[in-house]
């Protein structure tokens, strides 16, 4: 797997279609804009075919002994899993738990209607990952009022 280092402006110069087909990439650190993924998220992306669409796979790994969330880790993961399973554009892959960690993995395809650079594409992908967490967290609050328009 190749790692895209974002200290330079390479991501702004590249377009998603510039990435070679069949090779997986991972962002290390933050984008020049400051965007980045949560520390528990490993986000792998790449092109599966000749289109400019990117396949994104997110693996969130939560260390049980380090969990410091407002709600239990089990409840948090189940709420995020429900968001993934109900979202029409997200593909649920798996959820596993052992004595030390809980892993939640999902995937989705990212496409853009307009020509964009790789940095903008990765920022949009970050937004999708952030949305899964925000929607999952919203489900945990008492009196959850379906603020995201979910069923």
Protein backbone atom coordinates (compact mmCIF):
# COMPACT_ATOMS: atom_id res chain seq x y z
CA UNK A 1 0.00 0.00 0.00
CA UNK A 2 1.30 3.44 -0.88
CA UNK A 3 1.10 6.29 1.58
CA UNK A 4 0.39 9.81 0.46
CA UNK A 5 2.46 12.25 2.47
CA UNK A 6 0.78 15.62 2.66
CA UNK A 7 3.53 17.98 3.72
CA UNK A 8 3.82 19.33 0.17
CA UNK A 9 1.21 20.44 -2.31
CA UNK A 10 1.23 17.17 -4.28
CA UNK A 11 -2.36 16.35 -3.32
CA UNK A 12 -3.52 19.68 -4.75
CA UNK A 13 -1.73 18.97 -8.04
CA UNK A 14 -3.09 15.44 -8.46
CA UNK A 15 -6.59 14.49 -9.53
CA UNK A 16 -8.29 11.27 -8.37
CA UNK A 17 -7.96 9.86 -11.90
CA UNK A 18 -4.17 10.34 -11.69
CA UNK A 19 -3.95 7.54 -9.11
CA UNK A 20 -3.05 4.17 -10.64
CA UNK A 21 -5.84 1.59 -10.81
CA UNK A 22 -5.61 -1.25 -8.32
CA UNK A 23 -3.21 0.42 -5.89
CA UNK A 24 -4.30 1.31 -2.36
CA UNK A 25 -3.31 4.59 -0.74
CA UNK A 26 -3.46 5.96 2.75
CA UNK A 27 -3.19 9.53 3.98
CA UNK A 28 -0.49 10.10 6.58
CA UNK A 29 -0.97 13.16 8.73
CA UNK A 30 -3.21 16.04 7.76
CA UNK A 31 -3.90 17.64 4.42
CA UNK A 32 -2.40 21.09 3.75
CA UNK A 33 -5.85 22.51 4.59
CA UNK A 34 -5.63 20.97 8.06
CA UNK A 35 -8.21 18.28 7.35
CA UNK A 36 -7.39 14.77 8.43
CA UNK A 37 -8.96 11.62 9.80
CA UNK A 38 -9.53 10.71 13.43
CA UNK A 39 -6.62 8.88 15.03
CA UNK A 40 -8.70 5.71 15.41
CA UNK A 41 -9.58 5.66 11.70
CA UNK A 42 -7.44 3.97 9.08
CA UNK A 43 -8.76 5.16 5.73
CA UNK A 44 -7.59 3.39 2.58
CA UNK A 45 -8.58 4.64 -0.85
CA UNK A 46 -7.91 3.81 -4.46
CA UNK A 47 -9.35 3.41 -7.92
CA UNK A 48 -10.85 0.07 -8.88
CA UNK A 49 -11.35 0.86 -12.57
CA UNK A 50 -10.65 3.53 -15.18
CA UNK A 51 -13.21 5.97 -13.78
CA UNK A 52 -12.29 8.82 -11.46
CA UNK A 53 -14.38 7.23 -8.66
CA UNK A 54 -12.50 6.21 -5.54
CA UNK A 55 -13.31 3.20 -3.35
CA UNK A 56 -12.88 4.14 0.30
CA UNK A 57 -12.51 1.65 3.14
CA UNK A 58 -12.59 2.93 6.72
CA UNK A 59 -11.47 0.81 9.66
CA UNK A 60 -12.13 2.37 13.04
CA UNK A 61 -10.14 0.70 15.82
CA UNK A 62 -11.13 1.57 19.37
CA UNK A 63 -8.80 0.46 22.17
CA UNK A 64 -11.09 -0.65 24.99
CA UNK A 65 -8.70 0.35 27.79
CA UNK A 66 -8.33 3.87 26.34
CA UNK A 67 -12.00 4.58 25.60
CA UNK A 68 -13.02 7.92 27.10
CA UNK A 69 -16.32 8.63 25.36
CA UNK A 70 -19.44 9.94 27.04
CA UNK A 71 -21.29 6.71 26.26
CA UNK A 72 -20.14 3.11 26.50
CA UNK A 73 -17.97 1.87 23.67
CA UNK A 74 -20.46 -0.89 22.84
CA UNK A 75 -23.33 1.62 22.55
CA UNK A 76 -21.19 3.98 20.50
CA UNK A 77 -20.11 1.29 18.05
CA UNK A 78 -23.66 -0.05 17.72
CA UNK A 79 -25.00 3.46 17.00
CA UNK A 80 -22.37 4.01 14.31
CA UNK A 81 -23.03 0.55 12.88
CA UNK A 82 -26.75 1.39 12.63
CA UNK A 83 -25.91 4.60 10.75
CA UNK A 84 -23.72 2.65 8.32
CA UNK A 85 -26.32 -0.07 7.76
CA UNK A 86 -29.09 2.48 7.10
CA UNK A 87 -27.09 4.81 4.85
CA UNK A 88 -27.75 3.90 1.20
CA UNK A 89 -24.26 4.90 0.04
CA UNK A 90 -22.27 3.09 2.74
CA UNK A 91 -21.47 -0.62 2.57
CA UNK A 92 -21.21 -2.35 5.93
CA UNK A 93 -18.25 -4.70 5.98
CA UNK A 94 -17.78 -5.97 9.55
CA UNK A 95 -17.64 -5.32 13.25
CA UNK A 96 -15.46 -7.37 15.60
CA UNK A 97 -14.51 -7.22 19.25
CA UNK A 98 -11.88 -8.96 21.32
CA UNK A 99 -10.47 -8.30 24.79
CA UNK A 100 -8.41 -5.31 23.66
CA UNK A 101 -10.10 -3.60 20.72
CA UNK A 102 -13.31 -3.10 18.81
CA UNK A 103 -13.04 -2.69 15.03
CA UNK A 104 -15.73 -1.33 12.76
CA UNK A 105 -15.11 -1.40 9.02
CA UNK A 106 -17.19 0.07 6.21
CA UNK A 107 -16.70 1.19 2.65
CA UNK A 108 -18.15 3.56 0.11
CA UNK A 109 -17.56 4.93 -3.35
CA UNK A 110 -16.68 8.59 -3.73
CA UNK A 111 -17.40 10.42 -6.97
CA UNK A 112 -17.66 14.06 -7.93
CA UNK A 113 -19.82 15.72 -10.53
CA UNK A 114 -17.14 18.34 -11.14
CA UNK A 115 -13.43 17.95 -11.84
CA UNK A 116 -11.56 18.20 -8.57
CA UNK A 117 -8.08 17.76 -7.16
CA UNK A 118 -7.11 14.95 -4.80
CA UNK A 119 -6.99 17.28 -1.79
CA UNK A 120 -10.61 18.34 -2.30
CA UNK A 121 -11.61 14.71 -2.82
CA UNK A 122 -9.95 13.70 0.45
CA UNK A 123 -11.61 16.61 2.27
CA UNK A 124 -15.01 15.36 1.04
CA UNK A 125 -14.12 11.84 2.16
CA UNK A 126 -13.18 13.23 5.61
CA UNK A 127 -16.62 14.88 5.76
CA UNK A 128 -18.31 11.52 5.12
CA UNK A 129 -16.28 9.80 7.85
CA UNK A 130 -17.05 12.67 10.27
CA UNK A 131 -20.75 12.42 9.39
CA UNK A 132 -20.89 8.74 10.36
CA UNK A 133 -19.52 9.60 13.80
CA UNK A 134 -21.79 12.63 14.25
CA UNK A 135 -24.92 10.70 13.27
CA UNK A 136 -23.96 7.78 15.49
CA UNK A 137 -23.28 10.07 18.44
CA UNK A 138 -26.58 11.89 17.92
CA UNK A 139 -28.45 8.58 18.28
CA UNK A 140 -27.05 8.14 21.80
CA UNK A 141 -28.48 11.29 23.33
CA UNK A 142 -31.73 11.02 25.27
CA UNK A 143 -34.58 12.53 23.31
CA UNK A 144 -32.80 11.98 20.00
CA UNK A 145 -35.05 13.83 17.61
CA UNK A 146 -33.87 12.47 14.28
CA UNK A 147 -31.97 15.67 13.53
CA UNK A 148 -30.43 14.10 10.43
CA UNK A 149 -33.76 13.02 8.89
CA UNK A 150 -33.12 9.30 9.41
CA UNK A 151 -35.83 6.69 9.56
